[in-house]
Amino acid sequence: MDTGHHWKTEWRSVVFFDESRFCLGASDGRVLVRRPGERLQPTFLWPRHTGPTPGVMVWRITSFDSRSTLVIIPHTPTANLYISLVIQPVALPFMNSIQGSVFPTG
């Protein structure tokens, strides 16, 4: 039995949600300490909160052979804003368009 073919078929139904925040203008306040030749390690990243930083969030769903429209969220979203900008107009229709879609957890 060709298990690879079955595996590929299953991955066609998996969707990934992703969102990223981009700072505009000023620094986001994080200080990075790294020596030459070292990889980025979270223990060397020191967060500093210096107040609100202008920025934008972007959000998208990606699947095996398609992706949703890119949603630009102009500021930190509330639950209602997230539902009205992302879930209702983009996420639900996209998930419904992929038969048997699965969202990986954990």
N, C-alpha and C. Protein backbone atom coordinates (compact mmCIF):
# COMPACT_ATOMS: atom_id res chain seq x y z
N MET A 1 0.84 -1.18 0.00
CA MET A 1 0.00 0.00 0.00
C MET A 1 0.88 1.25 0.00
N ASP A 2 0.50 2.23 -0.77
CA ASP A 2 1.27 3.47 -0.88
C ASP A 2 0.81 4.44 0.21
N THR A 3 1.51 4.44 1.35
CA THR A 3 1.12 5.32 2.46
C THR A 3 1.42 6.78 2.15
N GLY A 4 2.41 7.03 1.30
CA GLY A 4 2.75 8.40 0.95
C GLY A 4 1.61 9.11 0.24
N HIS A 5 0.91 8.39 -0.63
CA HIS A 5 -0.22 8.99 -1.36
C HIS A 5 -1.32 9.40 -0.38
N HIS A 6 -1.63 8.53 0.59
CA HIS A 6 -2.66 8.83 1.58
C HIS A 6 -2.25 10.04 2.44
N TRP A 7 -0.98 10.09 2.80
CA TRP A 7 -0.45 11.20 3.60
C TRP A 7 -0.62 12.52 2.85
N LYS A 8 -0.29 12.52 1.57
CA LYS A 8 -0.43 13.75 0.77
C LYS A 8 -1.89 14.18 0.69
N THR A 9 -2.79 13.23 0.56
CA THR A 9 -4.21 13.54 0.50
C THR A 9 -4.68 14.19 1.79
N GLU A 10 -4.22 13.69 2.93
CA GLU A 10 -4.61 14.27 4.22
C GLU A 10 -4.12 15.71 4.35
N TRP A 11 -2.91 16.00 3.89
CA TRP A 11 -2.36 17.35 4.02
C TRP A 11 -3.13 18.36 3.19
N ARG A 12 -3.83 17.93 2.16
CA ARG A 12 -4.63 18.84 1.34
C ARG A 12 -5.76 19.48 2.15
N SER A 13 -6.14 18.86 3.27
CA SER A 13 -7.25 19.38 4.09
C SER A 13 -6.78 20.20 5.28
N VAL A 14 -5.49 20.30 5.50
CA VAL A 14 -4.97 21.03 6.66
C VAL A 14 -4.82 22.51 6.31
N VAL A 15 -5.27 23.37 7.21
CA VAL A 15 -5.12 24.81 7.02
C VAL A 15 -4.35 25.40 8.20
N PHE A 16 -3.59 26.43 7.92
CA PHE A 16 -2.80 27.11 8.95
C PHE A 16 -3.22 28.57 9.00
N PHE A 17 -3.47 29.06 10.20
CA PHE A 17 -3.76 30.48 10.41
C PHE A 17 -2.46 31.12 10.86
N ASP A 18 -2.20 32.33 10.41
CA ASP A 18 -1.01 33.02 10.89
C ASP A 18 -1.29 34.51 10.95
N GLU A 19 -0.74 35.14 11.96
CA GLU A 19 -0.81 36.59 12.05
C GLU A 19 0.54 37.10 12.51
N SER A 20 0.89 38.27 12.01
CA SER A 20 2.16 38.89 12.37
C SER A 20 1.93 40.36 12.63
N ARG A 21 2.73 40.91 13.50
CA ARG A 21 2.65 42.34 13.80
C ARG A 21 3.92 43.00 13.29
N PHE A 22 3.74 44.11 12.62
CA PHE A 22 4.86 44.88 12.10
C PHE A 22 4.83 46.25 12.73
N CYS A 23 5.96 46.65 13.29
CA CYS A 23 6.08 47.98 13.90
C CYS A 23 6.39 48.99 12.80
N LEU A 24 5.73 50.12 12.88
CA LEU A 24 5.93 51.18 11.89
C LEU A 24 6.65 52.34 12.55
N GLY A 25 7.73 52.74 11.97
CA GLY A 25 8.46 53.89 12.51
C GLY A 25 9.40 53.51 13.62
N ALA A 26 8.97 53.72 14.86
CA ALA A 26 9.83 53.54 16.02
C ALA A 26 10.09 52.07 16.32
N SER A 27 11.09 51.85 17.13
CA SER A 27 11.42 50.51 17.60
C SER A 27 10.31 49.97 18.49
N ASP A 28 10.18 48.65 18.54
CA ASP A 28 9.18 48.06 19.42
C ASP A 28 9.68 47.92 20.85
N GLY A 29 10.89 48.41 21.13
CA GLY A 29 11.40 48.43 22.49
C GLY A 29 12.18 47.21 22.92
N ARG A 30 12.32 46.22 22.04
CA ARG A 30 13.06 45.03 22.43
C ARG A 30 14.55 45.26 22.23
N VAL A 31 15.33 44.74 23.15
CA VAL A 31 16.78 44.85 23.07
C VAL A 31 17.34 43.46 22.82
N LEU A 32 18.16 43.33 21.80
CA LEU A 32 18.75 42.04 21.46
C LEU A 32 20.22 42.06 21.82
N VAL A 33 20.65 41.08 22.60
CA VAL A 33 22.05 40.94 22.96
C VAL A 33 22.52 39.62 22.38
N ARG A 34 23.50 39.68 21.47
CA ARG A 34 23.97 38.46 20.83
C ARG A 34 25.44 38.59 20.50
N ARG A 35 26.17 37.52 20.71
CA ARG A 35 27.59 37.49 20.37
C ARG A 35 27.75 36.94 18.96
N PRO A 36 28.81 37.31 18.26
CA PRO A 36 29.03 36.78 16.92
C PRO A 36 29.05 35.25 16.95
N GLY A 37 28.37 34.65 15.98
CA GLY A 37 28.34 33.19 15.88
C GLY A 37 27.24 32.53 16.69
N GLU A 38 26.55 33.28 17.55
CA GLU A 38 25.45 32.71 18.32
C GLU A 38 24.15 32.86 17.55
N ARG A 39 23.29 31.88 17.73
CA ARG A 39 21.96 31.96 17.13
C ARG A 39 21.07 32.78 18.05
N LEU A 40 19.96 33.27 17.50
CA LEU A 40 19.00 34.02 18.30
C LEU A 40 18.42 33.11 19.38
N GLN A 41 18.57 33.50 20.61
CA GLN A 41 18.06 32.72 21.73
C GLN A 41 17.12 33.60 22.55
N PRO A 42 15.92 33.09 22.84
CA PRO A 42 14.94 33.90 23.58
C PRO A 42 15.46 34.42 24.92
N THR A 43 16.40 33.71 25.53
CA THR A 43 16.91 34.18 26.82
C THR A 43 17.69 35.48 26.68
N PHE A 44 18.13 35.81 25.48
CA PHE A 44 18.89 37.04 25.25
C PHE A 44 18.02 38.18 24.73
N LEU A 45 16.72 37.98 24.68
CA LEU A 45 15.80 39.00 24.21
C LEU A 45 15.11 39.61 25.42
N TRP A 46 15.35 40.86 25.66
CA TRP A 46 14.81 41.53 26.84
C TRP A 46 13.67 42.46 26.43
N PRO A 47 12.44 42.11 26.79
CA PRO A 47 11.33 43.00 26.43
C PRO A 47 11.31 44.25 27.30
N ARG A 48 11.00 45.36 26.68
CA ARG A 48 10.82 46.62 27.40
C ARG A 48 9.55 47.24 26.89
N HIS A 49 8.69 47.62 27.77
CA HIS A 49 7.47 48.30 27.34
C HIS A 49 7.69 49.79 27.46
N THR A 50 7.60 50.49 26.34
CA THR A 50 7.82 51.93 26.35
C THR A 50 6.57 52.68 25.93
N GLY A 51 5.43 52.00 25.93
CA GLY A 51 4.19 52.64 25.52
C GLY A 51 3.75 52.13 24.16
N PRO A 52 2.62 52.64 23.71
CA PRO A 52 2.08 52.18 22.42
C PRO A 52 3.05 52.46 21.27
N THR A 53 3.18 51.50 20.40
CA THR A 53 4.03 51.63 19.22
C THR A 53 3.15 51.53 17.99
N PRO A 54 3.25 52.49 17.07
CA PRO A 54 2.45 52.39 15.85
C PRO A 54 2.81 51.12 15.10
N GLY A 55 1.81 50.42 14.64
CA GLY A 55 2.07 49.19 13.92
C GLY A 55 0.83 48.69 13.23
N VAL A 56 0.99 47.58 12.58
CA VAL A 56 -0.11 46.97 11.86
C VAL A 56 0.01 45.46 12.01
N MET A 57 -1.13 44.79 12.10
CA MET A 57 -1.14 43.33 12.13
C MET A 57 -1.67 42.84 10.79
N VAL A 58 -1.13 41.73 10.33
CA VAL A 58 -1.65 41.09 9.12
C VAL A 58 -2.02 39.66 9.46
N TRP A 59 -3.00 39.13 8.75
CA TRP A 59 -3.53 37.80 9.05
C TRP A 59 -3.86 37.10 7.74
N ARG A 60 -3.62 35.78 7.71
CA ARG A 60 -3.93 35.00 6.50
C ARG A 60 -4.08 33.53 6.86
N ILE A 61 -4.86 32.80 6.07
CA ILE A 61 -4.95 31.34 6.15
C ILE A 61 -4.22 30.78 4.94
N THR A 62 -3.46 29.73 5.16
CA THR A 62 -2.75 29.05 4.07
C THR A 62 -3.11 27.58 4.12
N SER A 63 -3.34 26.99 2.95
CA SER A 63 -3.60 25.56 2.87
C SER A 63 -2.66 24.97 1.82
N PHE A 64 -2.87 23.71 1.51
CA PHE A 64 -1.99 22.99 0.58
C PHE A 64 -1.82 23.73 -0.74
N ASP A 65 -2.92 24.16 -1.33
CA ASP A 65 -2.84 24.77 -2.66
C ASP A 65 -3.58 26.10 -2.78
N SER A 66 -3.86 26.74 -1.66
CA SER A 66 -4.51 28.04 -1.74
C SER A 66 -4.23 28.86 -0.49
N ARG A 67 -4.61 30.11 -0.56
CA ARG A 67 -4.45 30.98 0.60
C ARG A 67 -5.56 32.03 0.56
N SER A 68 -5.90 32.52 1.72
CA SER A 68 -6.95 33.53 1.81
C SER A 68 -6.38 34.89 1.41
N THR A 69 -7.27 35.85 1.36
CA THR A 69 -6.79 37.21 1.16
C THR A 69 -6.03 37.64 2.41
N LEU A 70 -5.13 38.56 2.24
CA LEU A 70 -4.37 39.09 3.37
C LEU A 70 -5.23 40.13 4.06
N VAL A 71 -5.46 39.94 5.34
CA VAL A 71 -6.28 40.88 6.11
C VAL A 71 -5.34 41.80 6.87
N ILE A 72 -5.53 43.09 6.70
CA ILE A 72 -4.72 44.08 7.41
C ILE A 72 -5.56 44.61 8.57
N ILE A 73 -5.04 44.43 9.77
CA ILE A 73 -5.73 44.87 10.98
C ILE A 73 -4.98 46.11 11.48
N PRO A 74 -5.59 47.29 11.40
CA PRO A 74 -4.87 48.54 11.62
C PRO A 74 -4.37 48.79 13.04
N HIS A 75 -4.92 48.13 14.02
CA HIS A 75 -4.47 48.34 15.40
C HIS A 75 -4.77 47.07 16.19
N THR A 76 -4.44 47.05 17.46
CA THR A 76 -4.69 45.87 18.28
C THR A 76 -6.18 45.58 18.29
N PRO A 77 -6.57 44.39 17.82
CA PRO A 77 -8.00 44.13 17.67
C PRO A 77 -8.68 43.72 18.98
N THR A 78 -9.91 44.14 19.10
CA THR A 78 -10.77 43.61 20.16
C THR A 78 -11.38 42.32 19.60
N ALA A 79 -12.05 41.56 20.44
CA ALA A 79 -12.68 40.33 19.97
C ALA A 79 -13.71 40.63 18.88
N ASN A 80 -14.51 41.69 19.07
CA ASN A 80 -15.52 42.04 18.07
C ASN A 80 -14.90 42.46 16.75
N LEU A 81 -13.83 43.24 16.80
CA LEU A 81 -13.15 43.66 15.58
C LEU A 81 -12.56 42.45 14.86
N TYR A 82 -11.95 41.54 15.60
CA TYR A 82 -11.36 40.34 15.02
C TYR A 82 -12.43 39.50 14.32
N ILE A 83 -13.59 39.36 14.95
CA ILE A 83 -14.69 38.60 14.34
C ILE A 83 -15.16 39.28 13.07
N SER A 84 -15.31 40.62 13.11
CA SER A 84 -15.85 41.33 11.95
C SER A 84 -14.85 41.50 10.81
N LEU A 85 -13.55 41.55 11.11
CA LEU A 85 -12.55 41.71 10.05
C LEU A 85 -11.98 40.39 9.54
N VAL A 86 -11.92 39.38 10.42
CA VAL A 86 -11.21 38.14 10.07
C VAL A 86 -12.14 36.93 9.99
N ILE A 87 -12.81 36.64 11.08
CA ILE A 87 -13.56 35.38 11.17
C ILE A 87 -14.73 35.33 10.18
N GLN A 88 -15.64 36.29 10.26
CA GLN A 88 -16.84 36.24 9.42
C GLN A 88 -16.56 36.41 7.93
N PRO A 89 -15.81 37.44 7.52
CA PRO A 89 -15.65 37.64 6.08
C PRO A 89 -14.59 36.76 5.41
N VAL A 90 -13.62 36.24 6.17
CA VAL A 90 -12.51 35.53 5.53
C VAL A 90 -12.37 34.09 6.02
N ALA A 91 -12.23 33.89 7.33
CA ALA A 91 -11.92 32.55 7.86
C ALA A 91 -13.03 31.55 7.59
N LEU A 92 -14.26 31.88 7.95
CA LEU A 92 -15.35 30.92 7.77
C LEU A 92 -15.58 30.56 6.31
N PRO A 93 -15.67 31.54 5.39
CA PRO A 93 -15.84 31.16 3.98
C PRO A 93 -14.67 30.33 3.45
N PHE A 94 -13.45 30.66 3.86
CA PHE A 94 -12.29 29.89 3.39
C PHE A 94 -12.35 28.46 3.90
N MET A 95 -12.63 28.29 5.20
CA MET A 95 -12.72 26.95 5.77
C MET A 95 -13.84 26.14 5.12
N ASN A 96 -14.96 26.78 4.83
CA ASN A 96 -16.07 26.08 4.18
C ASN A 96 -15.76 25.70 2.74
N SER A 97 -14.82 26.40 2.11
CA SER A 97 -14.48 26.09 0.72
C SER A 97 -13.56 24.88 0.59
N ILE A 98 -12.96 24.45 1.68
CA ILE A 98 -12.05 23.30 1.65
C ILE A 98 -12.77 22.13 2.32
N GLN A 99 -13.13 21.16 1.52
CA GLN A 99 -13.89 20.02 2.04
C GLN A 99 -13.08 19.26 3.09
N GLY A 100 -13.68 19.06 4.26
CA GLY A 100 -13.03 18.31 5.33
C GLY A 100 -11.84 19.02 5.94
N SER A 101 -11.82 20.35 5.89
CA SER A 101 -10.66 21.09 6.38
C SER A 101 -10.40 20.81 7.85
N VAL A 102 -9.13 20.79 8.20
CA VAL A 102 -8.67 20.48 9.56
C VAL A 102 -7.73 21.58 10.00
N PHE A 103 -7.93 22.08 11.21
CA PHE A 103 -7.02 23.07 11.78
C PHE A 103 -6.16 22.36 12.81
N PRO A 104 -4.82 22.29 12.60
CA PRO A 104 -3.96 21.58 13.56
C PRO A 104 -3.93 22.31 14.89
N THR A 105 -3.95 21.56 15.98
CA THR A 105 -3.88 22.14 17.31
C THR A 105 -2.67 21.59 18.04
N GLY A 106 -2.25 22.35 19.04
CA GLY A 106 -1.13 21.89 19.87
C GLY A 106 0.10 22.04 19.17
